[in-house]
Protein backbone atom coordinates (compact mmCIF):
# COMPACT_ATOMS: atom_id res chain seq x y z
CA UNK A 1 -92.27 26.48 23.04
CA UNK A 2 -89.90 29.25 21.90
CA UNK A 3 -88.16 29.40 18.58
CA UNK A 4 -84.51 28.49 18.17
CA UNK A 5 -83.58 32.14 17.59
CA UNK A 6 -85.32 33.22 20.81
CA UNK A 7 -83.46 30.55 22.79
CA UNK A 8 -80.15 31.74 21.40
CA UNK A 9 -80.86 35.34 22.34
CA UNK A 10 -81.82 34.31 25.89
CA UNK A 11 -78.52 32.45 26.34
CA UNK A 12 -76.56 35.47 25.15
CA UNK A 13 -78.34 37.81 27.51
CA UNK A 14 -78.29 35.52 30.49
CA UNK A 15 -81.07 34.98 33.05
CA UNK A 16 -83.00 37.99 34.28
CA UNK A 17 -84.11 38.59 37.84
CA UNK A 18 -87.89 38.31 38.37
CA UNK A 19 -89.63 41.51 37.36
CA UNK A 20 -86.54 42.96 35.70
CA UNK A 21 -86.26 43.66 31.98
CA UNK A 22 -83.60 41.65 30.11
CA UNK A 23 -80.16 43.37 29.88
CA UNK A 24 -79.22 44.57 26.43
CA UNK A 25 -76.40 42.65 24.77
CA UNK A 26 -72.88 44.07 25.38
CA UNK A 27 -71.21 45.83 22.50
CA UNK A 28 -67.90 44.63 21.08
CA UNK A 29 -66.18 47.76 22.43
CA UNK A 30 -67.47 47.04 25.95
CA UNK A 31 -66.11 43.50 25.87
CA UNK A 32 -62.68 44.72 24.66
CA UNK A 33 -62.50 47.32 27.44
CA UNK A 34 -63.38 44.65 29.97
CA UNK A 35 -60.64 42.31 28.68
CA UNK A 36 -58.11 45.15 28.75
CA UNK A 37 -59.09 46.08 32.31
CA UNK A 38 -58.65 42.49 33.50
CA UNK A 39 -55.35 42.22 31.65
CA UNK A 40 -54.10 45.40 33.29
CA UNK A 41 -55.15 44.11 36.70
CA UNK A 42 -53.31 40.84 36.13
CA UNK A 43 -50.18 42.71 35.04
CA UNK A 44 -50.29 45.00 38.10
CA UNK A 45 -50.80 42.08 40.46
CA UNK A 46 -48.06 40.11 38.69
CA UNK A 47 -45.62 43.00 38.96
CA UNK A 48 -46.47 43.47 42.62
CA UNK A 49 -46.00 39.75 43.22
CA UNK A 50 -42.65 39.78 41.44
CA UNK A 51 -41.57 42.84 43.40
CA UNK A 52 -42.53 41.16 46.65
CA UNK A 53 -40.68 38.00 45.64
CA UNK A 54 -37.54 40.00 44.81
CA UNK A 55 -37.74 41.92 48.09
CA UNK A 56 -38.35 38.77 50.15
CA UNK A 57 -35.63 36.88 48.28
CA UNK A 58 -32.99 39.54 48.92
CA UNK A 59 -34.10 40.10 52.51
CA UNK A 60 -33.90 36.37 53.12
CA UNK A 61 -30.26 36.35 52.01
CA UNK A 62 -29.14 38.59 54.89
CA UNK A 63 -28.00 37.19 58.24
CA UNK A 64 -27.90 39.56 61.17
CA UNK A 65 -26.66 40.04 64.73
CA UNK A 66 -28.28 42.27 67.37
CA UNK A 67 -25.19 44.04 68.72
CA UNK A 68 -26.84 45.54 71.79
CA UNK A 69 -28.17 42.17 72.81
CA UNK A 70 -24.92 40.32 72.05
CA UNK A 71 -22.62 42.89 73.67
CA UNK A 72 -24.92 44.51 76.21
CA UNK A 73 -26.06 48.10 75.69
CA UNK A 74 -24.37 49.20 78.93
CA UNK A 75 -21.01 47.76 77.83
CA UNK A 76 -20.63 49.96 74.78
CA UNK A 77 -18.98 53.41 74.41
CA UNK A 78 -21.29 56.41 74.04
CA UNK A 79 -21.99 58.07 70.72
CA UNK A 80 -19.99 61.33 70.63
CA UNK A 81 -20.99 62.93 67.31
CA UNK A 82 -24.65 62.20 66.63
CA UNK A 83 -24.69 62.24 62.83
CA UNK A 84 -21.29 60.64 62.19
CA UNK A 85 -21.21 56.95 61.28
CA UNK A 86 -18.68 54.25 62.13
CA UNK A 87 -18.93 51.00 60.17
CA UNK A 88 -16.80 47.94 60.85
CA UNK A 89 -16.20 45.99 57.63
CA UNK A 90 -15.10 42.37 58.06
CA UNK A 91 -13.90 39.96 55.42
CA UNK A 92 -14.35 36.38 56.60
CA UNK A 93 -12.00 33.67 55.34
CA UNK A 94 -14.47 30.86 56.01
CA UNK A 95 -14.11 27.85 53.68
CA UNK A 96 -17.64 26.65 54.40
CA UNK A 97 -20.11 26.02 51.55
CA UNK A 98 -19.30 27.76 48.27
CA UNK A 99 -16.23 29.39 49.84
CA UNK A 100 -14.36 26.09 49.83
CA UNK A 101 -14.24 26.07 46.02
CA UNK A 102 -12.63 29.52 45.99
CA UNK A 103 -9.79 29.04 48.46
CA UNK A 104 -8.68 25.69 49.79
CA UNK A 105 -6.84 25.38 53.07
CA UNK A 106 -7.72 25.21 56.74
CA UNK A 107 -11.43 24.41 56.96
CA UNK A 108 -11.58 24.16 60.76
CA UNK A 109 -12.93 27.67 61.24
CA UNK A 110 -13.05 31.23 60.01
CA UNK A 111 -11.11 34.38 60.81
CA UNK A 112 -11.63 38.05 60.11
CA UNK A 113 -9.14 38.06 57.25
CA UNK A 114 -9.83 41.77 56.66
CA UNK A 115 -10.99 44.36 59.19
CA UNK A 116 -11.55 48.04 58.45
CA UNK A 117 -13.24 50.62 60.64
CA UNK A 118 -14.74 53.16 58.24
CA UNK A 119 -15.52 56.56 59.74
CA UNK A 120 -17.98 58.77 57.85
CA UNK A 121 -18.05 62.27 59.36
CA UNK A 122 -21.17 64.34 59.84
CA UNK A 123 -22.28 65.56 56.41
CA UNK A 124 -21.10 62.29 54.77
CA UNK A 125 -18.98 63.96 52.12
CA UNK A 126 -15.76 62.06 52.90
CA UNK A 127 -14.60 59.01 54.79
CA UNK A 128 -11.59 57.51 56.56
CA UNK A 129 -10.91 53.76 56.58
CA UNK A 130 -8.60 52.34 59.26
CA UNK A 131 -7.27 48.84 58.59
CA UNK A 132 -6.48 46.71 61.65
CA UNK A 133 -3.65 44.23 60.95
CA UNK A 134 -4.83 40.68 61.55
CA UNK A 135 -1.58 39.75 63.39
CA UNK A 136 -1.97 42.53 65.97
CA UNK A 137 -1.72 41.28 69.57
CA UNK A 138 -4.63 42.71 71.52
CA UNK A 139 -6.58 42.27 74.76
CA UNK A 140 -9.81 40.42 74.09
CA UNK A 141 -12.74 41.42 76.32
CA UNK A 142 -15.11 38.93 77.88
CA UNK A 143 -17.70 38.05 75.25
CA UNK A 144 -20.53 35.74 74.35
CA UNK A 145 -20.14 33.62 71.26
CA UNK A 146 -22.84 33.16 68.61
CA UNK A 147 -24.42 30.39 70.71
CA UNK A 148 -24.59 32.60 73.80
CA UNK A 149 -21.74 30.84 75.63
CA UNK A 150 -19.30 32.97 77.65
CA UNK A 151 -15.78 33.49 76.31
CA UNK A 152 -13.31 34.71 78.92
CA UNK A 153 -11.11 37.77 78.50
CA UNK A 154 -7.50 37.23 77.45
CA UNK A 155 -4.34 39.25 76.79
CA UNK A 156 -1.88 39.03 73.89
CA UNK A 157 -4.15 37.20 71.48
CA UNK A 158 -4.12 37.77 67.73
CA UNK A 159 -6.83 40.11 66.53
CA UNK A 160 -8.13 37.76 63.84
CA UNK A 161 -8.53 34.92 66.37
CA UNK A 162 -11.37 36.81 68.08
CA UNK A 163 -13.72 36.09 65.20
CA UNK A 164 -12.78 32.40 65.17
CA UNK A 165 -13.43 31.95 68.87
CA UNK A 166 -16.43 34.20 69.50
CA UNK A 167 -17.86 35.59 66.24
CA UNK A 168 -18.47 39.07 64.81
CA UNK A 169 -20.16 40.64 67.86
CA UNK A 170 -17.03 39.98 69.91
CA UNK A 171 -14.92 41.57 67.15
CA UNK A 172 -17.14 44.66 67.39
CA UNK A 173 -16.74 44.70 71.18
CA UNK A 174 -12.96 44.31 70.83
CA UNK A 175 -12.71 47.22 68.38
CA UNK A 176 -14.90 49.38 70.62
CA UNK A 177 -12.65 48.56 73.59
CA UNK A 178 -9.49 49.32 71.57
CA UNK A 179 -10.74 52.60 70.14
CA UNK A 180 -13.38 53.97 72.49
CA UNK A 181 -15.49 54.50 69.33
CA UNK A 182 -19.11 53.37 69.10
CA UNK A 183 -19.51 51.05 66.11
CA UNK A 184 -22.86 51.98 64.54
CA UNK A 185 -22.94 49.14 62.02
CA UNK A 186 -20.96 46.14 60.92
CA UNK A 187 -20.92 44.40 57.56
CA UNK A 188 -19.32 41.00 56.99
CA UNK A 189 -18.72 39.50 53.54
CA UNK A 190 -17.15 36.10 52.88
CA UNK A 191 -15.20 34.80 49.86
CA UNK A 192 -18.26 33.92 47.79
CA UNK A 193 -19.96 37.25 48.47
CA UNK A 194 -16.84 39.20 47.56
CA UNK A 195 -16.40 37.30 44.28
CA UNK A 196 -20.09 37.76 43.44
CA UNK A 197 -19.95 41.53 43.97
CA UNK A 198 -16.94 41.92 41.69
CA UNK A 199 -18.46 39.76 38.96
CA UNK A 200 -21.77 41.67 39.21
CA UNK A 201 -19.80 44.83 38.45
CA UNK A 202 -18.16 43.18 35.46
CA UNK A 203 -14.74 43.32 37.14
CA UNK A 204 -12.57 45.93 38.85
CA UNK A 205 -9.53 47.73 37.40
CA UNK A 206 -6.29 48.03 39.40
CA UNK A 207 -2.81 49.30 38.59
CA UNK A 208 0.47 47.88 39.92
CA UNK A 209 3.81 49.69 40.01
CA UNK A 210 5.72 46.39 40.15
CA UNK A 211 5.02 42.78 39.14
CA UNK A 212 3.12 40.39 41.39
CA UNK A 213 4.97 37.09 41.18
CA UNK A 214 2.29 34.65 42.27
CA UNK A 215 4.43 33.05 44.97
CA UNK A 216 2.69 30.36 47.09
CA UNK A 217 -0.40 30.11 44.91
CA UNK A 218 -0.97 33.83 44.65
CA UNK A 219 -1.87 35.93 41.64
CA UNK A 220 0.74 36.53 38.93
CA UNK A 221 0.50 39.95 37.24
CA UNK A 222 2.89 42.20 35.35
CA UNK A 223 3.30 45.81 36.39
CA UNK A 224 0.60 47.93 34.82
CA UNK A 225 -3.19 48.08 34.62
CA UNK A 226 -5.38 44.97 34.90
CA UNK A 227 -9.10 44.25 34.85
CA UNK A 228 -9.76 41.54 37.46
CA UNK A 229 -12.77 39.27 37.68
CA UNK A 230 -14.10 38.00 41.00
CA UNK A 231 -11.75 35.03 41.35
CA UNK A 232 -8.64 37.07 40.47
CA UNK A 233 -9.78 39.90 42.74
CA UNK A 234 -10.04 37.51 45.67
CA UNK A 235 -6.46 36.38 45.05
CA UNK A 236 -5.38 40.03 44.70
CA UNK A 237 -6.67 41.11 48.11
CA UNK A 238 -5.30 37.96 49.76
CA UNK A 239 -1.82 38.16 48.18
CA UNK A 240 0.93 38.33 50.74
CA UNK A 241 4.02 36.64 49.34
CA UNK A 242 5.38 37.69 45.98
CA UNK A 243 4.57 41.39 46.28
CA UNK A 244 6.08 44.28 48.23
CA UNK A 245 7.80 43.07 51.38
CA UNK A 246 5.67 39.90 51.59
CA UNK A 247 4.17 40.87 54.94
CA UNK A 248 0.60 41.03 56.17
CA UNK A 249 1.12 44.78 56.52
CA UNK A 250 1.89 44.93 52.79
CA UNK A 251 -1.28 43.01 52.03
CA UNK A 252 -3.24 45.76 53.78
CA UNK A 253 -1.99 48.20 51.14
CA UNK A 254 -3.41 45.97 48.40
CA UNK A 255 -6.73 45.63 50.20
CA UNK A 256 -7.06 49.38 50.62
CA UNK A 257 -6.16 49.95 46.98
CA UNK A 258 -8.74 47.45 45.83
CA UNK A 259 -11.47 48.87 48.07
CA UNK A 260 -11.01 52.33 46.54
CA UNK A 261 -10.95 50.87 43.02
CA UNK A 262 -14.16 48.95 43.67
CA UNK A 263 -15.93 52.01 45.11
CA UNK A 264 -14.80 54.02 42.08
CA UNK A 265 -16.26 51.33 39.79
CA UNK A 266 -19.60 51.46 41.60
CA UNK A 267 -19.66 55.25 41.34
CA UNK A 268 -18.62 55.28 37.66
CA UNK A 269 -21.34 52.81 36.70
CA UNK A 270 -23.93 54.69 38.80
CA UNK A 271 -24.78 51.26 40.16
CA UNK A 272 -26.92 52.72 42.95
CA UNK A 273 -29.03 54.63 40.41
CA UNK A 274 -29.50 51.77 37.92
CA UNK A 275 -32.25 49.38 39.14
CA UNK A 276 -31.12 46.42 37.03
CA UNK A 277 -27.48 46.72 38.06
CA UNK A 278 -28.45 47.48 41.65
CA UNK A 279 -30.45 44.24 41.77
CA UNK A 280 -27.46 42.27 40.46
CA UNK A 281 -25.22 43.81 43.10
CA UNK A 282 -27.77 43.27 45.86
CA UNK A 283 -28.42 39.67 44.86
CA UNK A 284 -24.70 38.90 44.69
CA UNK A 285 -23.77 40.78 47.85
CA UNK A 286 -26.57 39.69 50.13
CA UNK A 287 -26.03 35.97 49.45
CA UNK A 288 -23.02 35.99 51.77
CA UNK A 289 -23.77 39.01 53.94
CA UNK A 290 -24.05 39.38 57.70
CA UNK A 291 -24.89 42.74 59.24
CA UNK A 292 -26.05 44.25 62.50
CA UNK A 293 -29.82 44.02 62.98
CA UNK A 294 -30.36 47.70 62.06
CA UNK A 295 -29.03 47.08 58.54
CA UNK A 296 -30.58 43.66 58.05
CA UNK A 297 -33.13 44.54 55.38
CA UNK A 298 -32.97 45.57 51.76
CA UNK A 299 -34.64 48.88 52.60
CA UNK A 300 -32.16 49.71 55.37
CA UNK A 301 -29.16 48.76 53.24
CA UNK A 302 -30.47 50.76 50.30
CA UNK A 303 -31.15 53.83 52.43
CA UNK A 304 -27.70 53.63 53.98
CA UNK A 305 -26.03 53.19 50.59
CA UNK A 306 -27.93 56.18 49.19
CA UNK A 307 -26.83 58.29 52.15
CA UNK A 308 -23.20 57.46 51.27
CA UNK A 309 -23.43 58.65 47.65
CA UNK A 310 -21.69 61.91 48.58
CA UNK A 311 -18.51 60.09 49.62
CA UNK A 312 -15.97 60.33 46.80
CA UNK A 313 -13.49 57.41 46.64
CA UNK A 314 -10.91 59.85 45.23
CA UNK A 315 -10.87 61.76 48.53
CA UNK A 316 -11.32 58.79 50.85
CA UNK A 317 -8.43 58.45 53.29
CA UNK A 318 -7.02 55.01 54.06
CA UNK A 319 -4.84 54.47 57.12
CA UNK A 320 -3.29 51.45 58.75
CA UNK A 321 -3.64 51.34 62.53
CA UNK A 322 -0.17 52.36 63.80
CA UNK A 323 1.65 49.26 65.00
CA UNK A 324 5.15 48.24 66.07
CA UNK A 325 6.81 44.84 65.88
CA UNK A 326 6.37 42.87 69.08
CA UNK A 327 9.59 42.60 71.11
CA UNK A 328 8.90 38.97 72.04
CA UNK A 329 7.60 37.65 68.70
CA UNK A 330 8.77 39.55 65.63
CA UNK A 331 6.08 37.80 63.57
CA UNK A 332 3.45 39.76 65.50
CA UNK A 333 2.73 43.45 65.96
CA UNK A 334 1.36 45.51 68.84
CA UNK A 335 -0.56 48.79 68.83
CA UNK A 336 1.85 51.74 68.69
CA UNK A 337 1.35 54.57 71.14
CA UNK A 338 0.76 57.49 71.29
CA UNK A 339 -0.09 57.35 67.57
CA UNK A 340 -3.06 54.98 67.93
CA UNK A 341 -4.67 57.01 70.70
CA UNK A 342 -4.30 60.17 68.61
CA UNK A 343 -5.95 58.41 65.66
CA UNK A 344 -8.89 57.10 67.69
CA UNK A 345 -9.37 60.46 69.47
CA UNK A 346 -9.60 62.28 66.12
CA UNK A 347 -12.16 59.86 64.67
CA UNK A 348 -14.20 59.69 67.86
CA UNK A 349 -14.60 63.48 67.91
CA UNK A 350 -15.04 63.78 64.11
CA UNK A 351 -11.80 65.74 63.66
CA UNK A 352 -9.11 65.57 60.99
CA UNK A 353 -6.55 62.86 61.70
CA UNK A 354 -3.18 64.50 62.50
CA UNK A 355 -0.16 63.44 60.45
CA UNK A 356 1.61 62.10 63.55
CA UNK A 357 -1.24 59.64 64.13
CA UNK A 358 -0.61 58.00 60.75
CA UNK A 359 3.03 57.14 61.43
CA UNK A 360 3.38 53.39 61.97
CA UNK A 361 6.77 52.19 63.33
CA UNK A 362 6.16 48.83 61.58
CA UNK A 363 6.12 49.76 57.93
CA UNK A 364 4.51 47.46 55.41
CA UNK A 365 3.85 47.21 51.72
CA UNK A 366 7.25 47.95 50.27
CA UNK A 367 7.59 49.54 46.85
CA UNK A 368 4.73 49.18 44.45
CA UNK A 369 1.76 49.44 46.79
CA UNK A 370 -0.54 52.37 46.32
CA UNK A 371 -1.74 53.34 49.75
CA UNK A 372 -3.49 55.38 50.95
CA UNK A 373 -4.89 56.31 47.55
CA UNK A 374 -4.18 54.82 44.12
CA UNK A 375 -4.17 56.83 40.93
CA UNK A 376 -7.35 56.49 38.89
CA UNK A 377 -7.17 53.54 36.48
CA UNK A 378 -8.78 53.50 33.03
CA UNK A 379 -11.48 50.89 32.45
CA UNK A 380 -10.82 48.14 29.97
């Protein structure tokens, strides 16, 4: 029988393999190093797990559409300038889900409340954004809706009705047919996503030359500079009555002004270079985001955003598609020629847009709108 002290030593050392000398007891320093090593491993694995959760979470927020499959690769215009980019930006006015709390009204469907074709020339140092008025009468091509059902072609239909009837892929096909320009990407944001982006930035600053009266539930603002949160910003870009000439064409001027102000805010805050702020923007934006399948990942969106860092909002050109009032229905507009063809030809071939191509017979906005480019506004 062994002594108590011998038994204690044996338990500390642990069992030895047959024929092997007992291991010497570990020093205090050895045990500390081992604890630190395990702690470091746990922290590394935890960080990796958190990173994967963040990546998966943001990726899971993004809905996507395969444009080639939805439209048909053979039904699309060819790419003319290889390194230029054309991005169709859609603002959906859906009242589904969280959107219903932000803007009440018709809940029967959604329309492309805002549509801009943004052309980024080769070199990506500048950009041109062309707004397509929602009330424009156009020829809709034959399409497939989001469920794969055929939608017949039709003439003299409102542009924003295309989204309601057949979804974003048909809007892309319609714009490609109108312009002859290959749309490389599309990005769609709804009410909730728009509000979330603005709030993640801490607001956006705009300046008005004349008061906004708030007619028909719109935003009421004095002339001057204002810092708008997400809810107020949504009302700002949707204001039609009570500002300028009260037309949809005037609203386009406000939307273009706000887009430039928001891009300036992102650039000023270096949001793309600040991981914490970038996560807030990504989390807010991707919650209500639909893109083409090539952009439908956090990595792809991040890479594309980084490639756009050279575009300066101060030099970005904003244009409204030239339109004229329809002779049959003065509440609608039609594409004005030859101005529209000149505009599309310039963008398709990556050339400067001639002044004549910017002249729209149907003027909109009235006094007080700042389009194409607003003056820089101080932050509050």
